[in-house]
C-alpha atoms as a PDB file:
ATOM      1  CA  MET A   1       0.000   0.000   0.000  1.00  0.00           C
ATOM      2  CA  THR A   2       1.412   3.388  -0.975  1.00  0.00           C
ATOM      3  CA  ASP A   3       1.420   6.437   1.285  1.00  0.00           C
ATOM      4  CA  PHE A   4      -1.272   7.970  -0.909  1.00  0.00           C
ATOM      5  CA  GLU A   5      -3.493   4.873  -0.687  1.00  0.00           C
ATOM      6  CA  PHE A   6      -3.158   4.772   3.095  1.00  0.00           C
ATOM      7  CA  THR A   7      -3.927   8.476   3.497  1.00  0.00           C
ATOM      8  CA  PHE A   8      -6.650   8.475   0.857  1.00  0.00           C
ATOM      9  CA  ALA A   9      -8.545   5.696   2.640  1.00  0.00           C
ATOM     10  CA  LEU A  10      -9.284   8.138   5.467  1.00  0.00           C
ATOM     11  CA  PHE A  11      -9.688  11.128   3.184  1.00  0.00           C
ATOM     12  CA  GLY A  12     -11.941   9.260   0.759  1.00  0.00           C
ATOM     13  CA  LEU A  13     -14.158   8.052   3.587  1.00  0.00           C
ATOM     14  CA  LEU A  14     -14.705  11.581   4.882  1.00  0.00           C
ATOM     15  CA  LEU A  15     -15.229  13.061   1.416  1.00  0.00           C
ATOM     16  CA  GLY A  16     -17.602  10.220   0.537  1.00  0.00           C
ATOM     17  CA  LEU A  17     -19.629  10.948   3.664  1.00  0.00           C
ATOM     18  CA  SER A  18     -19.737  14.601   2.617  1.00  0.00           C
ATOM     19  CA  LEU A  19     -21.103  13.691  -0.818  1.00  0.00           C
ATOM     20  CA  ALA A  20     -23.668  11.406   0.824  1.00  0.00           C
ATOM     21  CA  GLU A  21     -24.657  14.216   3.205  1.00  0.00           C
ATOM     22  CA  VAL A  22     -25.476  16.569   0.324  1.00  0.00           C
ATOM     23  CA  LEU A  23     -27.452  13.886  -1.511  1.00  0.00           C
ATOM     24  CA  SER A  24     -29.336  12.770   1.601  1.00  0.00           C
ATOM     25  CA  GLY A  25     -30.179  16.405   2.384  1.00  0.00           C
ATOM     26  CA  LEU A  26     -31.669  16.818  -1.069  1.00  0.00           C
ATOM     27  CA  ALA A  27     -33.590  13.563  -0.649  1.00  0.00           C
ATOM     28  CA  ARG A  28     -34.947  14.761   2.743  1.00  0.00           C
ATOM     29  CA  ALA A  29     -36.097  18.016   1.157  1.00  0.00           C
ATOM     30  CA  ILE A  30     -37.848  16.262  -1.725  1.00  0.00           C
ATOM     31  CA  GLU A  31     -39.456  13.720   0.613  1.00  0.00           C
ATOM     32  CA  ALA A  32     -40.642  16.509   2.933  1.00  0.00           C
ATOM     33  CA  ARG A  33     -42.100  18.410  -0.026  1.00  0.00           C
ATOM     34  CA  LEU A  34     -44.034  15.327  -1.113  1.00  0.00           C
ATOM     35  CA  ARG A  35     -45.186  14.612   2.441  1.00  0.00           C
ATOM     36  CA  LEU A  36     -45.987  18.151   3.578  1.00  0.00           C
ATOM     37  CA  GLY A  37     -47.294  19.639   0.355  1.00  0.00           C
ATOM     38  CA  ALA A  38     -47.196  23.124  -1.068  1.00  0.00           C
ATOM     39  CA  GLY A  39     -46.400  24.882   2.229  1.00  0.00           C
ATOM     40  CA  LEU A  40     -42.809  23.715   1.993  1.00  0.00           C
ATOM     41  CA  ARG A  41     -40.832  25.823  -0.461  1.00  0.00           C
ATOM     42  CA  ILE A  42     -37.644  24.230  -1.764  1.00  0.00           C
ATOM     43  CA  GLY A  43     -36.736  27.166  -4.006  1.00  0.00           C
ATOM     44  CA  TRP A  44     -33.518  27.404  -6.013  1.00  0.00           C
ATOM     45  CA  LEU A  45     -30.847  28.643  -3.649  1.00  0.00           C
ATOM     46  CA  THR A  46     -30.356  25.668  -1.336  1.00  0.00           C
ATOM     47  CA  PRO A  47     -30.346  23.103  -4.176  1.00  0.00           C
ATOM     48  CA  LEU A  48     -27.851  25.303  -6.061  1.00  0.00           C
ATOM     49  CA  LEU A  49     -25.674  25.465  -2.943  1.00  0.00           C
ATOM     50  CA  GLY A  50     -25.919  21.668  -2.690  1.00  0.00           C
ATOM     51  CA  ALA A  51     -24.861  21.323  -6.330  1.00  0.00           C
ATOM     52  CA  PHE A  52     -21.947  23.709  -5.771  1.00  0.00           C
ATOM     53  CA  VAL A  53     -20.737  21.848  -2.666  1.00  0.00           C
ATOM     54  CA  PHE A  54     -21.072  18.517  -4.501  1.00  0.00           C
ATOM     55  CA  LEU A  55     -19.106  19.751  -7.530  1.00  0.00           C
ATOM     56  CA  ASP A  56     -16.466  21.383  -5.339  1.00  0.00           C
ATOM     57  CA  LEU A  57     -16.032  18.121  -3.429  1.00  0.00           C
ATOM     58  CA  LEU A  58     -15.469  16.324  -6.724  1.00  0.00           C
ATOM     59  CA  SER A  59     -12.863  18.887  -7.723  1.00  0.00           C
ATOM     60  CA  PHE A  60     -11.000  18.387  -4.492  1.00  0.00           C
ATOM     61  CA  TRP A  61     -11.153  14.618  -4.919  1.00  0.00           C
ATOM     62  CA  GLN A  62      -9.494  15.195  -8.289  1.00  0.00           C
ATOM     63  CA  ALA A  63      -6.928  17.555  -6.717  1.00  0.00           C
ATOM     64  CA  ALA A  64      -5.999  14.828  -4.238  1.00  0.00           C
ATOM     65  CA  TRP A  65      -5.202  12.577  -7.181  1.00  0.00           C
ATOM     66  CA  VAL A  66      -2.949  15.266  -8.657  1.00  0.00           C
ATOM     67  CA  ALA A  67      -1.067  15.448  -5.331  1.00  0.00           C
ATOM     68  CA  ARG A  68      -0.767  11.671  -4.933  1.00  0.00           C
ATOM     69  CA  ASP A  69       2.979  11.525  -5.597  1.00  0.00           C
ATOM     70  CA  VAL A  70       3.866  14.028  -2.863  1.00  0.00           C
ATOM     71  CA  ILE A  71       1.687  12.611  -0.071  1.00  0.00           C
ATOM     72  CA  GLN A  72       3.656  11.045   2.773  1.00  0.00           C
ATOM     73  CA  VAL A  73       2.131   9.324   5.786  1.00  0.00           C
ATOM     74  CA  SER A  74       2.754  11.232   8.995  1.00  0.00           C
ATOM     75  CA  GLY A  75       0.781  12.390  11.980  1.00  0.00           C
ATOM     76  CA  LEU A  76       0.671  15.883  10.513  1.00  0.00           C
ATOM     77  CA  THR A  77      -0.611  14.588   7.169  1.00  0.00           C
ATOM     78  CA  LEU A  78      -3.369  12.544   8.819  1.00  0.00           C
ATOM     79  CA  MET A  79      -4.429  15.451  11.056  1.00  0.00           C
ATOM     80  CA  THR A  80      -4.399  17.880   8.131  1.00  0.00           C
ATOM     81  CA  VAL A  81      -6.352  15.542   5.866  1.00  0.00           C
ATOM     82  CA  SER A  82      -8.875  14.874   8.644  1.00  0.00           C
ATOM     83  CA  ALA A  83      -9.319  18.577   9.390  1.00  0.00           C
ATOM     84  CA  PHE A  84      -9.640  19.428   5.700  1.00  0.00           C
ATOM     85  CA  ALA A  85     -12.130  16.669   4.889  1.00  0.00           C
ATOM     86  CA  GLY A  86     -13.920  17.306   8.194  1.00  0.00           C
ATOM     87  CA  ALA A  87     -14.431  20.944   7.200  1.00  0.00           C
ATOM     88  CA  TYR A  88     -15.940  19.754   3.921  1.00  0.00           C
ATOM     89  CA  TYR A  89     -18.281  17.504   5.902  1.00  0.00           C
ATOM     90  CA  LEU A  90     -19.305  20.426   8.109  1.00  0.00           C
ATOM     91  CA  ALA A  91     -20.126  22.513   5.040  1.00  0.00           C
ATOM     92  CA  ALA A  92     -22.021  19.633   3.408  1.00  0.00           C
ATOM     93  CA  ALA A  93     -24.006  18.903   6.577  1.00  0.00           C
ATOM     94  CA  LEU A  94     -25.234  22.498   6.784  1.00  0.00           C
ATOM     95  CA  VAL A  95     -26.514  22.781   3.208  1.00  0.00           C
ATOM     96  CA  PHE A  96     -29.944  21.259   3.884  1.00  0.00           C
ATOM     97  CA  PRO A  97     -31.759  21.618   7.223  1.00  0.00           C
ATOM     98  CA  ARG A  98     -32.306  18.544   9.388  1.00  0.00           C
ATOM     99  CA  GLY A  99     -35.861  19.263  10.482  1.00  0.00           C
ATOM    100  CA  ILE A 100     -38.153  20.453   7.742  1.00  0.00           C
ATOM    101  CA  ALA A 101     -41.551  21.786   8.794  1.00  0.00           C
ATOM    102  CA  ALA A 102     -44.569  22.431   6.592  1.00  0.00           C
ATOM    103  CA  ASP A 103     -43.854  26.174   6.492  1.00  0.00           C
ATOM    104  CA  THR A 104     -40.117  25.870   5.788  1.00  0.00           C
ATOM    105  CA  ASP A 105     -38.629  28.015   3.036  1.00  0.00           C
ATOM    106  CA  LEU A 106     -35.259  26.609   1.994  1.00  0.00           C
ATOM    107  CA  ASP A 107     -34.277  29.952   0.467  1.00  0.00           C
ATOM    108  CA  ASP A 108     -34.516  31.428   3.993  1.00  0.00           C
ATOM    109  CA  HIS A 109     -32.323  28.566   5.222  1.00  0.00           C
ATOM    110  CA  PHE A 110     -29.810  29.352   2.467  1.00  0.00           C
ATOM    111  CA  PHE A 111     -29.495  32.971   3.582  1.00  0.00           C
ATOM    112  CA  ARG A 112     -28.862  31.796   7.169  1.00  0.00           C
ATOM    113  CA  ILE A 113     -26.043  29.384   6.287  1.00  0.00           C
ATOM    114  CA  ARG A 114     -24.521  30.575   2.994  1.00  0.00           C
ATOM    115  CA  ARG A 115     -21.683  32.599   4.515  1.00  0.00           C
ATOM    116  CA  ILE A 116     -20.675  29.702   6.746  1.00  0.00           C
ATOM    117  CA  VAL A 117     -20.816  27.049   4.010  1.00  0.00           C
ATOM    118  CA  ILE A 118     -19.215  29.088   1.241  1.00  0.00           C
ATOM    119  CA  GLY A 119     -16.797  30.689   3.713  1.00  0.00           C
ATOM    120  CA  VAL A 120     -15.552  27.278   4.854  1.00  0.00           C
ATOM    121  CA  MET A 121     -15.117  26.237   1.250  1.00  0.00           C
ATOM    122  CA  PHE A 122     -13.308  29.488   0.431  1.00  0.00           C
ATOM    123  CA  ILE A 123     -10.860  28.888   3.279  1.00  0.00           C
ATOM    124  CA  LEU A 124     -10.327  25.331   2.012  1.00  0.00           C
ATOM    125  CA  LEU A 125      -9.561  26.736  -1.446  1.00  0.00           C
ATOM    126  CA  LEU A 126      -6.943  29.052   0.063  1.00  0.00           C
ATOM    127  CA  VAL A 127      -5.414  26.168   2.040  1.00  0.00           C
ATOM    128  CA  GLN A 128      -5.250  24.038  -1.098  1.00  0.00           C
ATOM    129  CA  LEU A 129      -3.588  26.873  -3.029  1.00  0.00           C
ATOM    130  CA  ALA A 130      -1.065  27.369  -0.213  1.00  0.00           C
ATOM    131  CA  PHE A 131      -0.295  23.632  -0.232  1.00  0.00           C
ATOM    132  CA  TYR A 132       0.260  23.693  -3.988  1.00  0.00           C
ATOM    133  CA  ALA A 133       2.399  26.845  -3.771  1.00  0.00           C
ATOM    134  CA  GLY A 134       4.526  25.341  -1.002  1.00  0.00           C
ATOM    135  CA  THR A 135       5.105  22.037  -2.787  1.00  0.00           C
ATOM    136  CA  PRO A 136       7.635  22.382  -5.632  1.00  0.00           C
ATOM    137  CA  GLU A 137       6.190  19.437  -7.588  1.00  0.00           C
ATOM    138  CA  LEU A 138       2.731  21.056  -7.520  1.00  0.00           C
ATOM    139  CA  SER A 139       3.601  24.749  -7.695  1.00  0.00           C
ATOM    140  CA  VAL A 140       4.193  24.530 -11.452  1.00  0.00           C
ATOM    141  CA  ARG A 141       0.466  23.825 -11.840  1.00  0.00           C
ATOM    142  CA  LEU A 142      -0.275  27.266 -10.413  1.00  0.00           C
ATOM    143  CA  MET A 143       1.615  28.883 -13.284  1.00  0.00           C
ATOM    144  CA  ASN A 144      -0.851  27.638 -15.884  1.00  0.00           C
ATOM    145  CA  PRO A 145      -2.756  30.757 -17.084  1.00  0.00           C
ATOM    146  CA  LEU A 146      -6.006  28.840 -17.602  1.00  0.00           C
ATOM    147  CA  ALA A 147      -5.846  27.299 -14.122  1.00  0.00           C
ATOM    148  CA  LEU A 148      -5.068  30.694 -12.587  1.00  0.00           C
ATOM    149  CA  SER A 149      -7.955  32.322 -14.447  1.00  0.00           C
ATOM    150  CA  LEU A 150     -10.439  29.619 -13.494  1.00  0.00           C
ATOM    151  CA  THR A 151      -9.334  29.769  -9.860  1.00  0.00           C
ATOM    152  CA  ALA A 152      -9.639  33.565  -9.817  1.00  0.00           C
ATOM    153  CA  VAL A 153     -13.153  33.301 -11.256  1.00  0.00           C
ATOM    154  CA  LEU A 154     -14.040  30.686  -8.624  1.00  0.00           C
ATOM    155  CA  ALA A 155     -12.751  32.876  -5.783  1.00  0.00           C
ATOM    156  CA  ALA A 156     -14.547  35.964  -7.109  1.00  0.00           C
ATOM    157  CA  LEU A 157     -17.825  34.088  -7.514  1.00  0.00           C
ATOM    158  CA  MET A 158     -17.553  32.586  -4.022  1.00  0.00           C
ATOM    159  CA  ILE A 159     -17.018  36.022  -2.497  1.00  0.00           C
ATOM    160  CA  THR A 160     -19.885  37.409  -4.565  1.00  0.00           C
ATOM    161  CA  ALA A 161     -22.218  34.611  -3.445  1.00  0.00           C
ATOM    162  CA  MET A 162     -21.370  35.357   0.189  1.00  0.00           C
ATOM    163  CA  VAL A 163     -21.933  39.116   0.059  1.00  0.00           C
ATOM    164  CA  VAL A 164     -24.512  39.842  -2.640  1.00  0.00           C
ATOM    165  CA  ARG A 165     -27.952  40.852  -1.404  1.00  0.00           C
ATOM    166  CA  GLY A 166     -31.333  39.893  -2.719  1.00  0.00           C
ATOM    167  CA  PRO A 167     -32.591  36.610  -4.091  1.00  0.00           C
ATOM    168  CA  LEU A 168     -32.155  37.447  -7.791  1.00  0.00           C
ATOM    169  CA  TRP A 169     -28.460  38.421  -7.607  1.00  0.00           C
ATOM    170  CA  THR A 170     -27.753  35.620  -5.182  1.00  0.00           C
ATOM    171  CA  ARG A 171     -29.414  33.105  -7.494  1.00  0.00           C
ATOM    172  CA  LEU A 172     -27.346  34.419 -10.412  1.00  0.00           C
ATOM    173  CA  ALA A 173     -24.139  34.108  -8.367  1.00  0.00           C
ATOM    174  CA  MET A 174     -24.995  30.525  -7.408  1.00  0.00           C
ATOM    175  CA  ILE A 175     -25.898  29.619 -10.996  1.00  0.00           C
ATOM    176  CA  ALA A 176     -22.540  31.078 -12.076  1.00  0.00           C
ATOM    177  CA  LEU A 177     -20.689  29.008  -9.434  1.00  0.00           C
ATOM    178  CA  VAL A 178     -22.368  25.790 -10.533  1.00  0.00           C
ATOM    179  CA  GLY A 179     -21.988  26.712 -14.206  1.00  0.00           C
ATOM    180  CA  ARG A 180     -18.281  27.419 -13.755  1.00  0.00           C
ATOM    181  CA  TYR A 181     -17.728  23.908 -12.423  1.00  0.00           C
ATOM    182  CA  ILE A 182     -19.767  22.325 -15.200  1.00  0.00           C
ATOM    183  CA  ILE A 183     -17.725  24.233 -17.792  1.00  0.00           C
ATOM    184  CA  VAL A 184     -14.444  23.242 -16.112  1.00  0.00           C
ATOM    185  CA  TYR A 185     -15.465  19.588 -16.072  1.00  0.00           C
ATOM    186  CA  LEU A 186     -16.334  19.749 -19.769  1.00  0.00           C
ATOM    187  CA  ILE A 187     -13.022  21.375 -20.786  1.00  0.00           C
END
């Protein structure tokens, strides 16, 4: 077993739980809507946040693969990986509410938790960039103009989604975040 395989077993478990958390939250919301009827408003914002978290998790899973050759097993590595993946789980767990009442509006829930969820993910992006910059084998990837541009767009959209006011502009920011990932995955 390589160092990467050993470390990724823990990392993959936590990221997998994060993906499952987003999907189960969406399933809870749909089930509650079917059970409780028209009083429950799912809206667009929380599902878009769920899609963004899901796609961002996939991108980090891919980034872990890129870093596979520089991963070494150590206490620091295991703690860092656990903290990083644990932060993703925290963000994923907050996307959809646990208890959904008949008068719940998931757009209201989004506005309560968006800064926490997107803020955690923004910090994780900065940590990942710092790791790449501090690792000679990975730092060359940061010099790619396309990668730099796409990362700058991601950071700008994340900040916008955290600070913009009003449902229309917020919805547009979230659509842009999800759309950016879809475009990146298709390139």
